[in-house]
Amino acid sequence: MNEEIFLRFLLAAVWGGLVGIEREYRSKSAGFRTMIMISIGSCFFTLISSTLGGANPDRIAANIVTGIGFLGAGVIFRGENRVNGITTAATIWTVSAVGMGIGGGYYFAAGCASVFILVILVLLPYIERQIDLHHKSVEYTIVFRSHEYSGETFELALVKYGLKFKPTKKEKDGDCYMLSWQVQGDTQKHWLLINEVTADDRVEKFNY
């Protein structure tokens, strides 16, 4: 019995550690040690739940999901243009599930889940980058004098390069305008647009 318990903790540490290495390599907030602790903790809670749960052997283990939810929320934060940390939060959630599986004796299922987690974290970012290359979303903001330039001039440039756009903000101060667009399209076309607009002396300020 003791050997079985030790084996479960060891497997939980190994699988959690492998996922943690990937997170540590990418300098994420929940890295090597954190993932091991999550996996071992989930494994241990599952073990003691079956022992101390009495008529409801799953009542302690069921609360792992709630606790992990709070832990995952702690690594999510809003950046300037996007929400960051969601993948790490989801990884915490799935690693806890692996730990629970090992604690419950489902070694093969936990191993398969861990392999899938690693494949998703290691290989899928490459696919995401390829998607981003052809469907990059950028917010552009230009400042110009109304008698020298216009929003229509900028939109004609967007159309010329085949970029999809949506106006998001418009402000006026005297004869000075500040306009913003959310623009989507191929990365190379974005750079062609940026080169054209930055070379235009009529644009006083261009942010992207």
N, C-alpha and C. Protein backbone atom coordinates (compact mmCIF):
# COMPACT_ATOMS: atom_id res chain seq x y z
N MET A 1 0.82 -1.21 0.00
CA MET A 1 0.00 0.00 0.00
C MET A 1 0.86 1.27 0.00
N ASN A 2 1.88 1.29 0.85
CA ASN A 2 2.77 2.45 0.90
C ASN A 2 3.51 2.64 -0.42
N GLU A 3 3.92 1.50 -1.02
CA GLU A 3 4.62 1.58 -2.30
C GLU A 3 3.70 2.15 -3.38
N GLU A 4 2.43 1.78 -3.33
CA GLU A 4 1.45 2.29 -4.29
C GLU A 4 1.26 3.80 -4.14
N ILE A 5 1.18 4.26 -2.91
CA ILE A 5 1.03 5.70 -2.65
C ILE A 5 2.26 6.46 -3.15
N PHE A 6 3.46 5.90 -2.85
CA PHE A 6 4.69 6.55 -3.32
C PHE A 6 4.72 6.62 -4.84
N LEU A 7 4.28 5.54 -5.50
CA LEU A 7 4.27 5.52 -6.97
C LEU A 7 3.34 6.61 -7.52
N ARG A 8 2.20 6.79 -6.89
CA ARG A 8 1.26 7.81 -7.38
C ARG A 8 1.85 9.21 -7.22
N PHE A 9 2.47 9.47 -6.09
CA PHE A 9 3.10 10.78 -5.90
C PHE A 9 4.24 10.99 -6.90
N LEU A 10 5.00 9.93 -7.15
CA LEU A 10 6.11 10.03 -8.08
C LEU A 10 5.61 10.33 -9.50
N LEU A 11 4.58 9.61 -9.92
CA LEU A 11 4.02 9.85 -11.25
C LEU A 11 3.44 11.26 -11.35
N ALA A 12 2.77 11.70 -10.29
CA ALA A 12 2.21 13.05 -10.30
C ALA A 12 3.32 14.09 -10.44
N ALA A 13 4.44 13.87 -9.75
CA ALA A 13 5.57 14.80 -9.84
C ALA A 13 6.19 14.79 -11.23
N VAL A 14 6.31 13.59 -11.81
CA VAL A 14 6.94 13.46 -13.14
C VAL A 14 6.11 14.16 -14.21
N TRP A 15 4.81 13.83 -14.25
CA TRP A 15 3.97 14.41 -15.30
C TRP A 15 3.77 15.91 -15.08
N GLY A 16 3.58 16.32 -13.84
CA GLY A 16 3.47 17.75 -13.56
C GLY A 16 4.76 18.48 -13.89
N GLY A 17 5.89 17.84 -13.58
CA GLY A 17 7.19 18.44 -13.86
C GLY A 17 7.46 18.61 -15.34
N LEU A 18 7.06 17.63 -16.15
CA LEU A 18 7.27 17.74 -17.60
C LEU A 18 6.51 18.92 -18.18
N VAL A 19 5.27 19.07 -17.74
CA VAL A 19 4.50 20.23 -18.19
C VAL A 19 5.11 21.51 -17.65
N GLY A 20 5.58 21.48 -16.40
CA GLY A 20 6.19 22.64 -15.79
C GLY A 20 7.47 23.08 -16.50
N ILE A 21 8.23 22.13 -17.01
CA ILE A 21 9.46 22.47 -17.75
C ILE A 21 9.11 23.31 -18.97
N GLU A 22 8.06 22.92 -19.69
CA GLU A 22 7.64 23.68 -20.87
C GLU A 22 7.22 25.09 -20.48
N ARG A 23 6.45 25.22 -19.39
CA ARG A 23 6.01 26.54 -18.93
C ARG A 23 7.19 27.38 -18.44
N GLU A 24 8.14 26.73 -17.78
CA GLU A 24 9.34 27.43 -17.29
C GLU A 24 10.17 27.92 -18.46
N TYR A 25 10.30 27.10 -19.49
CA TYR A 25 11.07 27.46 -20.68
C TYR A 25 10.50 28.71 -21.35
N ARG A 26 9.19 28.84 -21.31
CA ARG A 26 8.54 30.00 -21.93
C ARG A 26 8.37 31.16 -20.94
N SER A 27 8.99 31.03 -19.76
CA SER A 27 8.99 32.09 -18.74
C SER A 27 7.58 32.48 -18.31
N LYS A 28 6.73 31.48 -18.13
CA LYS A 28 5.37 31.75 -17.67
C LYS A 28 5.33 31.84 -16.15
N SER A 29 4.26 32.45 -15.64
CA SER A 29 4.17 32.70 -14.20
C SER A 29 4.04 31.41 -13.39
N ALA A 30 3.41 30.39 -13.95
CA ALA A 30 3.31 29.09 -13.28
C ALA A 30 4.26 28.13 -13.97
N GLY A 31 5.42 27.88 -13.35
CA GLY A 31 6.45 27.10 -14.02
C GLY A 31 6.67 25.73 -13.42
N PHE A 32 7.93 25.32 -13.37
CA PHE A 32 8.32 23.95 -13.01
C PHE A 32 7.81 23.55 -11.64
N ARG A 33 8.20 24.27 -10.60
CA ARG A 33 7.81 23.90 -9.24
C ARG A 33 6.31 24.00 -9.03
N THR A 34 5.71 25.05 -9.61
CA THR A 34 4.27 25.25 -9.43
C THR A 34 3.47 24.08 -9.98
N MET A 35 3.81 23.62 -11.18
CA MET A 35 3.08 22.53 -11.80
C MET A 35 3.24 21.22 -11.01
N ILE A 36 4.43 21.00 -10.49
CA ILE A 36 4.64 19.81 -9.67
C ILE A 36 3.77 19.87 -8.41
N MET A 37 3.75 21.03 -7.77
CA MET A 37 2.95 21.17 -6.56
C MET A 37 1.47 20.99 -6.85
N ILE A 38 1.01 21.52 -7.95
CA ILE A 38 -0.41 21.38 -8.32
C ILE A 38 -0.76 19.92 -8.54
N SER A 39 0.10 19.22 -9.28
CA SER A 39 -0.16 17.82 -9.60
C SER A 39 -0.12 16.95 -8.34
N ILE A 40 0.90 17.14 -7.51
CA ILE A 40 1.01 16.35 -6.28
C ILE A 40 -0.13 16.69 -5.32
N GLY A 41 -0.46 17.97 -5.20
CA GLY A 41 -1.54 18.37 -4.31
C GLY A 41 -2.87 17.77 -4.73
N SER A 42 -3.15 17.79 -6.02
CA SER A 42 -4.40 17.20 -6.52
C SER A 42 -4.42 15.70 -6.28
N CYS A 43 -3.27 15.07 -6.48
CA CYS A 43 -3.15 13.62 -6.24
C CYS A 43 -3.41 13.31 -4.76
N PHE A 44 -2.82 14.09 -3.88
CA PHE A 44 -2.97 13.84 -2.45
C PHE A 44 -4.41 14.07 -1.99
N PHE A 45 -5.03 15.15 -2.45
CA PHE A 45 -6.42 15.41 -2.09
C PHE A 45 -7.34 14.27 -2.55
N THR A 46 -7.05 13.74 -3.73
CA THR A 46 -7.86 12.63 -4.24
C THR A 46 -7.67 11.39 -3.38
N LEU A 47 -6.43 11.14 -2.97
CA LEU A 47 -6.15 9.99 -2.11
C LEU A 47 -6.86 10.09 -0.77
N ILE A 48 -6.75 11.24 -0.12
CA ILE A 48 -7.36 11.36 1.20
C ILE A 48 -8.88 11.49 1.11
N SER A 49 -9.36 11.94 -0.06
CA SER A 49 -10.81 12.03 -0.24
C SER A 49 -11.44 10.64 -0.20
N SER A 50 -10.77 9.68 -0.84
CA SER A 50 -11.31 8.31 -0.85
C SER A 50 -11.23 7.66 0.52
N THR A 51 -10.31 8.16 1.36
CA THR A 51 -10.13 7.59 2.70
C THR A 51 -11.01 8.26 3.74
N LEU A 52 -11.09 9.60 3.67
CA LEU A 52 -11.81 10.35 4.69
C LEU A 52 -13.21 10.77 4.28
N GLY A 53 -13.56 10.51 3.04
CA GLY A 53 -14.85 10.98 2.54
C GLY A 53 -16.04 10.25 3.10
N GLY A 54 -15.84 9.07 3.64
CA GLY A 54 -16.95 8.32 4.21
C GLY A 54 -17.95 7.92 3.15
N ALA A 55 -19.20 8.27 3.37
CA ALA A 55 -20.25 7.92 2.41
C ALA A 55 -20.12 8.69 1.10
N ASN A 56 -19.40 9.81 1.13
CA ASN A 56 -19.18 10.61 -0.08
C ASN A 56 -17.69 10.72 -0.35
N PRO A 57 -17.08 9.68 -0.91
CA PRO A 57 -15.63 9.67 -1.09
C PRO A 57 -15.10 10.71 -2.07
N ASP A 58 -16.00 11.35 -2.79
CA ASP A 58 -15.53 12.33 -3.77
C ASP A 58 -15.70 13.77 -3.30
N ARG A 59 -16.16 13.98 -2.07
CA ARG A 59 -16.51 15.34 -1.66
C ARG A 59 -15.30 16.24 -1.51
N ILE A 60 -14.17 15.70 -1.05
CA ILE A 60 -12.96 16.51 -0.93
C ILE A 60 -12.36 16.76 -2.31
N ALA A 61 -12.28 15.72 -3.12
CA ALA A 61 -11.71 15.84 -4.46
C ALA A 61 -12.51 16.82 -5.31
N ALA A 62 -13.82 16.86 -5.11
CA ALA A 62 -14.66 17.75 -5.91
C ALA A 62 -14.28 19.21 -5.70
N ASN A 63 -13.79 19.54 -4.52
CA ASN A 63 -13.43 20.93 -4.22
C ASN A 63 -12.10 21.34 -4.85
N ILE A 64 -11.36 20.36 -5.39
CA ILE A 64 -10.11 20.70 -6.06
C ILE A 64 -10.39 21.63 -7.23
N VAL A 65 -11.46 21.33 -7.97
CA VAL A 65 -11.81 22.14 -9.14
C VAL A 65 -12.04 23.59 -8.74
N THR A 66 -12.75 23.80 -7.62
CA THR A 66 -12.99 25.16 -7.14
C THR A 66 -11.69 25.85 -6.74
N GLY A 67 -10.86 25.14 -5.99
CA GLY A 67 -9.59 25.72 -5.55
C GLY A 67 -8.67 26.05 -6.71
N ILE A 68 -8.62 25.16 -7.69
CA ILE A 68 -7.77 25.39 -8.86
C ILE A 68 -8.29 26.58 -9.65
N GLY A 69 -9.61 26.79 -9.65
CA GLY A 69 -10.17 27.94 -10.34
C GLY A 69 -9.63 29.25 -9.79
N PHE A 70 -9.52 29.35 -8.46
CA PHE A 70 -8.96 30.55 -7.85
C PHE A 70 -7.49 30.71 -8.19
N LEU A 71 -6.76 29.60 -8.20
CA LEU A 71 -5.34 29.64 -8.52
C LEU A 71 -5.13 30.07 -9.98
N GLY A 72 -5.95 29.52 -10.87
CA GLY A 72 -5.84 29.89 -12.28
C GLY A 72 -6.17 31.35 -12.53
N ALA A 73 -7.16 31.87 -11.80
CA ALA A 73 -7.53 33.28 -11.96
C ALA A 73 -6.39 34.21 -11.60
N GLY A 74 -5.51 33.75 -10.72
CA GLY A 74 -4.39 34.58 -10.27
C GLY A 74 -3.34 34.82 -11.34
N VAL A 75 -3.31 33.99 -12.38
CA VAL A 75 -2.29 34.15 -13.42
C VAL A 75 -2.84 34.84 -14.66
N ILE A 76 -4.14 35.19 -14.63
CA ILE A 76 -4.75 35.89 -15.76
C ILE A 76 -4.70 37.39 -15.51
N PHE A 77 -4.22 38.14 -16.47
CA PHE A 77 -4.18 39.59 -16.35
C PHE A 77 -4.43 40.23 -17.71
N ARG A 78 -4.96 41.41 -17.68
CA ARG A 78 -5.29 42.12 -18.91
C ARG A 78 -4.14 43.00 -19.34
N GLY A 79 -3.65 42.76 -20.56
CA GLY A 79 -2.60 43.60 -21.11
C GLY A 79 -3.20 44.80 -21.82
N GLU A 80 -2.38 45.45 -22.64
CA GLU A 80 -2.84 46.67 -23.31
C GLU A 80 -3.92 46.39 -24.34
N ASN A 81 -3.74 45.31 -25.11
CA ASN A 81 -4.70 45.01 -26.17
C ASN A 81 -5.29 43.61 -26.08
N ARG A 82 -4.92 42.85 -25.07
CA ARG A 82 -5.41 41.47 -25.00
C ARG A 82 -5.32 40.96 -23.56
N VAL A 83 -6.01 39.85 -23.33
CA VAL A 83 -5.97 39.20 -22.03
C VAL A 83 -4.87 38.14 -22.06
N ASN A 84 -3.97 38.16 -21.09
CA ASN A 84 -2.84 37.23 -21.04
C ASN A 84 -3.00 36.23 -19.89
N GLY A 85 -2.38 35.08 -20.04
CA GLY A 85 -2.35 34.10 -18.97
C GLY A 85 -3.44 33.05 -19.04
N ILE A 86 -4.31 33.12 -20.05
CA ILE A 86 -5.41 32.15 -20.12
C ILE A 86 -4.88 30.74 -20.37
N THR A 87 -3.88 30.61 -21.25
CA THR A 87 -3.31 29.28 -21.53
C THR A 87 -2.66 28.69 -20.28
N THR A 88 -1.95 29.52 -19.51
CA THR A 88 -1.34 29.04 -18.27
C THR A 88 -2.41 28.62 -17.27
N ALA A 89 -3.48 29.40 -17.17
CA ALA A 89 -4.59 29.05 -16.27
C ALA A 89 -5.22 27.72 -16.68
N ALA A 90 -5.41 27.53 -17.99
CA ALA A 90 -5.98 26.27 -18.49
C ALA A 90 -5.03 25.10 -18.23
N THR A 91 -3.71 25.38 -18.32
CA THR A 91 -2.72 24.34 -18.04
C THR A 91 -2.77 23.93 -16.57
N ILE A 92 -2.90 24.90 -15.68
CA ILE A 92 -3.04 24.60 -14.25
C ILE A 92 -4.25 23.70 -14.02
N TRP A 93 -5.34 24.03 -14.67
CA TRP A 93 -6.59 23.26 -14.53
C TRP A 93 -6.41 21.81 -15.00
N THR A 94 -5.78 21.63 -16.17
CA THR A 94 -5.61 20.28 -16.71
C THR A 94 -4.56 19.48 -15.94
N VAL A 95 -3.50 20.14 -15.45
CA VAL A 95 -2.50 19.44 -14.65
C VAL A 95 -3.12 18.94 -13.34
N SER A 96 -4.02 19.73 -12.78
CA SER A 96 -4.71 19.27 -11.57
C SER A 96 -5.56 18.05 -11.87
N ALA A 97 -6.15 18.01 -13.07
CA ALA A 97 -6.93 16.84 -13.47
C ALA A 97 -6.04 15.61 -13.62
N VAL A 98 -4.82 15.82 -14.13
CA VAL A 98 -3.85 14.72 -14.24
C VAL A 98 -3.52 14.19 -12.85
N GLY A 99 -3.25 15.11 -11.91
CA GLY A 99 -2.96 14.70 -10.54
C GLY A 99 -4.10 13.93 -9.91
N MET A 100 -5.34 14.39 -10.16
CA MET A 100 -6.50 13.67 -9.64
C MET A 100 -6.60 12.28 -10.25
N GLY A 101 -6.33 12.19 -11.56
CA GLY A 101 -6.39 10.88 -12.22
C GLY A 101 -5.39 9.90 -11.64
N ILE A 102 -4.18 10.39 -11.38
CA ILE A 102 -3.16 9.53 -10.78
C ILE A 102 -3.56 9.14 -9.35
N GLY A 103 -4.07 10.11 -8.60
CA GLY A 103 -4.53 9.80 -7.26
C GLY A 103 -5.64 8.78 -7.22
N GLY A 104 -6.46 8.77 -8.27
CA GLY A 104 -7.54 7.80 -8.37
C GLY A 104 -7.12 6.47 -8.98
N GLY A 105 -5.85 6.36 -9.37
CA GLY A 105 -5.34 5.11 -9.93
C GLY A 105 -5.49 4.97 -11.44
N TYR A 106 -5.86 6.05 -12.12
CA TYR A 106 -6.03 5.99 -13.58
C TYR A 106 -4.73 6.43 -14.25
N TYR A 107 -3.73 5.57 -14.17
CA TYR A 107 -2.40 5.92 -14.65
C TYR A 107 -2.34 6.13 -16.16
N PHE A 108 -2.95 5.22 -16.90
CA PHE A 108 -2.88 5.32 -18.36
C PHE A 108 -3.59 6.57 -18.85
N ALA A 109 -4.78 6.83 -18.30
CA ALA A 109 -5.53 8.03 -18.70
C ALA A 109 -4.76 9.30 -18.36
N ALA A 110 -4.14 9.32 -17.17
CA ALA A 110 -3.37 10.49 -16.77
C ALA A 110 -2.15 10.68 -17.66
N GLY A 111 -1.51 9.57 -18.03
CA GLY A 111 -0.35 9.66 -18.92
C GLY A 111 -0.74 10.18 -20.29
N CYS A 112 -1.86 9.67 -20.83
CA CYS A 112 -2.34 10.14 -22.14
C CYS A 112 -2.68 11.62 -22.10
N ALA A 113 -3.35 12.04 -21.02
CA ALA A 113 -3.70 13.45 -20.88
C ALA A 113 -2.45 14.32 -20.84
N SER A 114 -1.43 13.87 -20.11
CA SER A 114 -0.18 14.63 -20.01
C SER A 114 0.51 14.76 -21.36
N VAL A 115 0.51 13.68 -22.12
CA VAL A 115 1.12 13.73 -23.46
C VAL A 115 0.39 14.73 -24.34
N PHE A 116 -0.93 14.70 -24.29
CA PHE A 116 -1.72 15.64 -25.08
C PHE A 116 -1.46 17.09 -24.64
N ILE A 117 -1.35 17.30 -23.35
CA ILE A 117 -1.05 18.65 -22.85
C ILE A 117 0.28 19.14 -23.41
N LEU A 118 1.30 18.28 -23.38
CA LEU A 118 2.61 18.66 -23.89
C LEU A 118 2.58 18.92 -25.39
N VAL A 119 1.86 18.10 -26.13
CA VAL A 119 1.74 18.31 -27.58
C VAL A 119 1.08 19.65 -27.86
N ILE A 120 0.02 19.95 -27.14
CA ILE A 120 -0.70 21.21 -27.33
C ILE A 120 0.20 22.40 -27.01
N LEU A 121 0.95 22.32 -25.92
CA LEU A 121 1.78 23.45 -25.50
C LEU A 121 3.01 23.63 -26.39
N VAL A 122 3.57 22.52 -26.90
CA VAL A 122 4.82 22.60 -27.65
C VAL A 122 4.59 22.82 -29.14
N LEU A 123 3.64 22.10 -29.73
CA LEU A 123 3.46 22.13 -31.18
C LEU A 123 2.45 23.17 -31.66
N LEU A 124 1.37 23.35 -30.93
CA LEU A 124 0.32 24.24 -31.43
C LEU A 124 0.72 25.71 -31.51
N PRO A 125 1.63 26.21 -30.65
CA PRO A 125 2.06 27.60 -30.85
C PRO A 125 2.62 27.87 -32.24
N TYR A 126 3.28 26.86 -32.85
CA TYR A 126 3.80 27.02 -34.21
C TYR A 126 2.65 27.24 -35.18
N ILE A 127 1.57 26.46 -35.02
CA ILE A 127 0.40 26.61 -35.89
C ILE A 127 -0.25 27.97 -35.66
N GLU A 128 -0.31 28.40 -34.40
CA GLU A 128 -0.89 29.71 -34.09
C GLU A 128 -0.09 30.82 -34.76
N ARG A 129 1.24 30.69 -34.75
CA ARG A 129 2.08 31.73 -35.38
C ARG A 129 1.81 31.80 -36.88
N GLN A 130 1.61 30.63 -37.50
CA GLN A 130 1.31 30.63 -38.93
C GLN A 130 -0.03 31.29 -39.21
N ILE A 131 -0.99 31.06 -38.33
CA ILE A 131 -2.30 31.71 -38.48
C ILE A 131 -2.16 33.21 -38.32
N ASP A 132 -1.38 33.63 -37.30
CA ASP A 132 -1.19 35.05 -37.05
C ASP A 132 -0.51 35.76 -38.20
N LEU A 133 0.39 35.04 -38.89
CA LEU A 133 1.07 35.65 -40.02
C LEU A 133 0.09 36.09 -41.11
N HIS A 134 -1.00 35.33 -41.24
CA HIS A 134 -1.97 35.62 -42.29
C HIS A 134 -3.24 36.28 -41.77
N HIS A 135 -3.35 36.41 -40.47
CA HIS A 135 -4.56 37.01 -39.90
C HIS A 135 -4.19 37.82 -38.66
N LYS A 136 -3.23 38.72 -38.85
CA LYS A 136 -2.73 39.54 -37.73
C LYS A 136 -3.68 40.71 -37.48
N SER A 137 -3.97 40.95 -36.21
CA SER A 137 -4.87 42.05 -35.85
C SER A 137 -4.07 43.14 -35.13
N VAL A 138 -4.17 44.36 -35.66
CA VAL A 138 -3.41 45.49 -35.12
C VAL A 138 -4.34 46.70 -35.02
N GLU A 139 -4.18 47.48 -33.95
CA GLU A 139 -4.91 48.75 -33.84
C GLU A 139 -3.98 49.88 -34.27
N TYR A 140 -4.40 50.61 -35.29
CA TYR A 140 -3.62 51.75 -35.79
C TYR A 140 -4.28 53.06 -35.35
N THR A 141 -3.45 54.00 -34.94
CA THR A 141 -3.94 55.33 -34.59
C THR A 141 -3.10 56.37 -35.32
N ILE A 142 -3.77 57.29 -36.03
CA ILE A 142 -3.06 58.34 -36.74
C ILE A 142 -3.55 59.70 -36.26
N VAL A 143 -2.63 60.65 -36.26
CA VAL A 143 -2.94 62.04 -35.91
C VAL A 143 -2.52 62.89 -37.10
N PHE A 144 -3.43 63.77 -37.55
CA PHE A 144 -3.15 64.58 -38.74
C PHE A 144 -3.98 65.86 -38.69
N ARG A 145 -3.59 66.82 -39.53
CA ARG A 145 -4.35 68.06 -39.70
C ARG A 145 -5.39 67.84 -40.80
N SER A 146 -6.58 68.32 -40.56
CA SER A 146 -7.70 68.01 -41.45
C SER A 146 -7.46 68.50 -42.88
N HIS A 147 -6.73 69.61 -43.04
CA HIS A 147 -6.52 70.15 -44.39
C HIS A 147 -5.37 69.46 -45.11
N GLU A 148 -4.63 68.60 -44.43
CA GLU A 148 -3.48 67.94 -45.04
C GLU A 148 -3.72 66.46 -45.34
N TYR A 149 -4.59 65.83 -44.58
CA TYR A 149 -4.78 64.38 -44.69
C TYR A 149 -6.24 64.09 -44.37
N SER A 150 -6.65 62.83 -44.42
CA SER A 150 -8.02 62.48 -44.06
C SER A 150 -8.09 61.00 -43.71
N GLY A 151 -9.14 60.63 -42.98
CA GLY A 151 -9.36 59.22 -42.66
C GLY A 151 -9.60 58.41 -43.91
N GLU A 152 -10.25 59.02 -44.91
CA GLU A 152 -10.53 58.32 -46.16
C GLU A 152 -9.22 57.96 -46.88
N THR A 153 -8.22 58.83 -46.77
CA THR A 153 -6.92 58.55 -47.40
C THR A 153 -6.28 57.30 -46.78
N PHE A 154 -6.36 57.21 -45.46
CA PHE A 154 -5.81 56.05 -44.78
C PHE A 154 -6.59 54.79 -45.14
N GLU A 155 -7.91 54.89 -45.21
CA GLU A 155 -8.73 53.73 -45.54
C GLU A 155 -8.50 53.26 -46.97
N LEU A 156 -8.21 54.19 -47.87
CA LEU A 156 -7.87 53.79 -49.24
C LEU A 156 -6.59 52.97 -49.26
N ALA A 157 -5.63 53.34 -48.39
CA ALA A 157 -4.39 52.56 -48.29
C ALA A 157 -4.69 51.17 -47.74
N LEU A 158 -5.60 51.07 -46.78
CA LEU A 158 -5.99 49.77 -46.24
C LEU A 158 -6.61 48.89 -47.32
N VAL A 159 -7.48 49.49 -48.12
CA VAL A 159 -8.13 48.74 -49.20
C VAL A 159 -7.10 48.30 -50.23
N LYS A 160 -6.14 49.18 -50.53
CA LYS A 160 -5.11 48.87 -51.53
C LYS A 160 -4.31 47.63 -51.15
N TYR A 161 -4.05 47.47 -49.84
CA TYR A 161 -3.27 46.33 -49.39
C TYR A 161 -4.13 45.14 -48.97
N GLY A 162 -5.42 45.23 -49.21
CA GLY A 162 -6.31 44.10 -48.94
C GLY A 162 -6.49 43.80 -47.47
N LEU A 163 -6.45 44.83 -46.64
CA LEU A 163 -6.61 44.66 -45.19
C LEU A 163 -8.04 44.97 -44.77
N LYS A 164 -8.57 44.15 -43.88
CA LYS A 164 -9.90 44.39 -43.35
C LYS A 164 -9.80 45.35 -42.18
N PHE A 165 -10.73 46.27 -42.06
CA PHE A 165 -10.61 47.28 -41.02
C PHE A 165 -11.98 47.68 -40.46
N LYS A 166 -11.90 48.22 -39.24
CA LYS A 166 -13.09 48.70 -38.55
C LYS A 166 -12.71 49.94 -37.74
N PRO A 167 -13.32 51.09 -38.01
CA PRO A 167 -13.02 52.29 -37.22
C PRO A 167 -13.40 52.08 -35.75
N THR A 168 -12.55 52.51 -34.85
CA THR A 168 -12.82 52.29 -33.42
C THR A 168 -12.90 53.59 -32.61
N LYS A 169 -12.23 54.66 -33.07
CA LYS A 169 -12.23 55.89 -32.27
C LYS A 169 -11.98 57.09 -33.17
N LYS A 170 -12.63 58.20 -32.82
CA LYS A 170 -12.43 59.44 -33.57
C LYS A 170 -12.47 60.62 -32.60
N GLU A 171 -11.42 61.43 -32.61
CA GLU A 171 -11.36 62.62 -31.77
C GLU A 171 -10.88 63.81 -32.60
N LYS A 172 -11.38 65.00 -32.22
CA LYS A 172 -10.99 66.22 -32.93
C LYS A 172 -10.63 67.31 -31.94
N ASP A 173 -9.54 68.00 -32.23
CA ASP A 173 -9.10 69.13 -31.41
C ASP A 173 -8.70 70.25 -32.36
N GLY A 174 -9.62 71.16 -32.61
CA GLY A 174 -9.37 72.20 -33.60
C GLY A 174 -9.37 71.60 -34.99
N ASP A 175 -8.27 71.82 -35.73
CA ASP A 175 -8.16 71.19 -37.05
C ASP A 175 -7.33 69.91 -36.99
N CYS A 176 -7.08 69.39 -35.77
CA CYS A 176 -6.27 68.18 -35.58
C CYS A 176 -7.19 66.99 -35.28
N TYR A 177 -7.02 65.92 -36.00
CA TYR A 177 -7.82 64.72 -35.83
C TYR A 177 -6.96 63.56 -35.30
N MET A 178 -7.57 62.74 -34.47
CA MET A 178 -6.94 61.48 -34.07
C MET A 178 -7.96 60.37 -34.35
N LEU A 179 -7.61 59.47 -35.25
CA LEU A 179 -8.49 58.39 -35.66
C LEU A 179 -7.83 57.04 -35.40
N SER A 180 -8.65 56.04 -35.06
CA SER A 180 -8.12 54.69 -34.81
C SER A 180 -8.94 53.67 -35.58
N TRP A 181 -8.26 52.60 -36.01
CA TRP A 181 -8.89 51.49 -36.68
C TRP A 181 -8.36 50.17 -36.14
N GLN A 182 -9.20 49.16 -36.09
CA GLN A 182 -8.75 47.79 -35.82
C GLN A 182 -8.62 47.12 -37.17
N VAL A 183 -7.41 46.67 -37.48
CA VAL A 183 -7.10 46.18 -38.83
C VAL A 183 -6.62 44.73 -38.77
N GLN A 184 -7.11 43.92 -39.70
CA GLN A 184 -6.73 42.51 -39.77
C GLN A 184 -6.23 42.17 -41.16
N GLY A 185 -5.22 41.29 -41.21
CA GLY A 185 -4.73 40.85 -42.51
C GLY A 185 -3.35 40.24 -42.42
N ASP A 186 -2.77 39.97 -43.57
CA ASP A 186 -1.45 39.35 -43.67
C ASP A 186 -0.37 40.27 -43.09
N THR A 187 0.58 39.68 -42.35
CA THR A 187 1.63 40.46 -41.70
C THR A 187 2.44 41.28 -42.69
N GLN A 188 2.75 40.71 -43.84
CA GLN A 188 3.54 41.43 -44.84
C GLN A 188 2.79 42.67 -45.34
N LYS A 189 1.47 42.53 -45.49
CA LYS A 189 0.67 43.66 -45.95
C LYS A 189 0.60 44.75 -44.87
N HIS A 190 0.60 44.33 -43.61
CA HIS A 190 0.66 45.30 -42.53
C HIS A 190 1.93 46.14 -42.64
N TRP A 191 3.06 45.48 -42.89
CA TRP A 191 4.33 46.20 -42.97
C TRP A 191 4.37 47.13 -44.18
N LEU A 192 3.76 46.73 -45.29
CA LEU A 192 3.70 47.62 -46.46
C LEU A 192 2.90 48.88 -46.13
N LEU A 193 1.80 48.69 -45.40
CA LEU A 193 1.00 49.83 -44.98
C LEU A 193 1.79 50.74 -44.04
N ILE A 194 2.45 50.13 -43.05
CA ILE A 194 3.22 50.90 -42.08
C ILE A 194 4.31 51.72 -42.78
N ASN A 195 5.01 51.12 -43.73
CA ASN A 195 6.06 51.83 -44.45
C ASN A 195 5.51 53.01 -45.24
N GLU A 196 4.33 52.81 -45.83
CA GLU A 196 3.73 53.90 -46.61
C GLU A 196 3.30 55.06 -45.72
N VAL A 197 2.64 54.73 -44.61
CA VAL A 197 2.10 55.79 -43.75
C VAL A 197 3.22 56.54 -43.02
N THR A 198 4.23 55.82 -42.55
CA THR A 198 5.33 56.48 -41.83
C THR A 198 6.14 57.39 -42.76
N ALA A 199 6.11 57.10 -44.05
CA ALA A 199 6.85 57.93 -45.01
C ALA A 199 6.04 59.15 -45.45
N ASP A 200 4.77 59.22 -45.04
CA ASP A 200 3.90 60.33 -45.44
C ASP A 200 4.05 61.48 -44.44
N ASP A 201 4.59 62.59 -44.90
CA ASP A 201 4.85 63.74 -44.03
C ASP A 201 3.57 64.40 -43.53
N ARG A 202 2.45 64.12 -44.17
CA ARG A 202 1.19 64.73 -43.75
C ARG A 202 0.66 64.13 -42.46
N VAL A 203 1.14 62.94 -42.11
CA VAL A 203 0.72 62.28 -40.87
C VAL A 203 1.66 62.71 -39.75
N GLU A 204 1.10 63.37 -38.74
CA GLU A 204 1.93 63.90 -37.65
C GLU A 204 2.34 62.82 -36.66
N LYS A 205 1.47 61.84 -36.45
CA LYS A 205 1.77 60.77 -35.49
C LYS A 205 1.09 59.49 -35.95
N PHE A 206 1.80 58.39 -35.83
CA PHE A 206 1.26 57.09 -36.27
C PHE A 206 1.66 56.03 -35.27
N ASN A 207 0.68 55.47 -34.57
CA ASN A 207 0.94 54.45 -33.55
C ASN A 207 0.34 53.11 -33.99
N TYR A 208 1.06 52.03 -33.67
CA TYR A 208 0.59 50.68 -34.00
C TYR A 208 1.19 49.67 -33.05
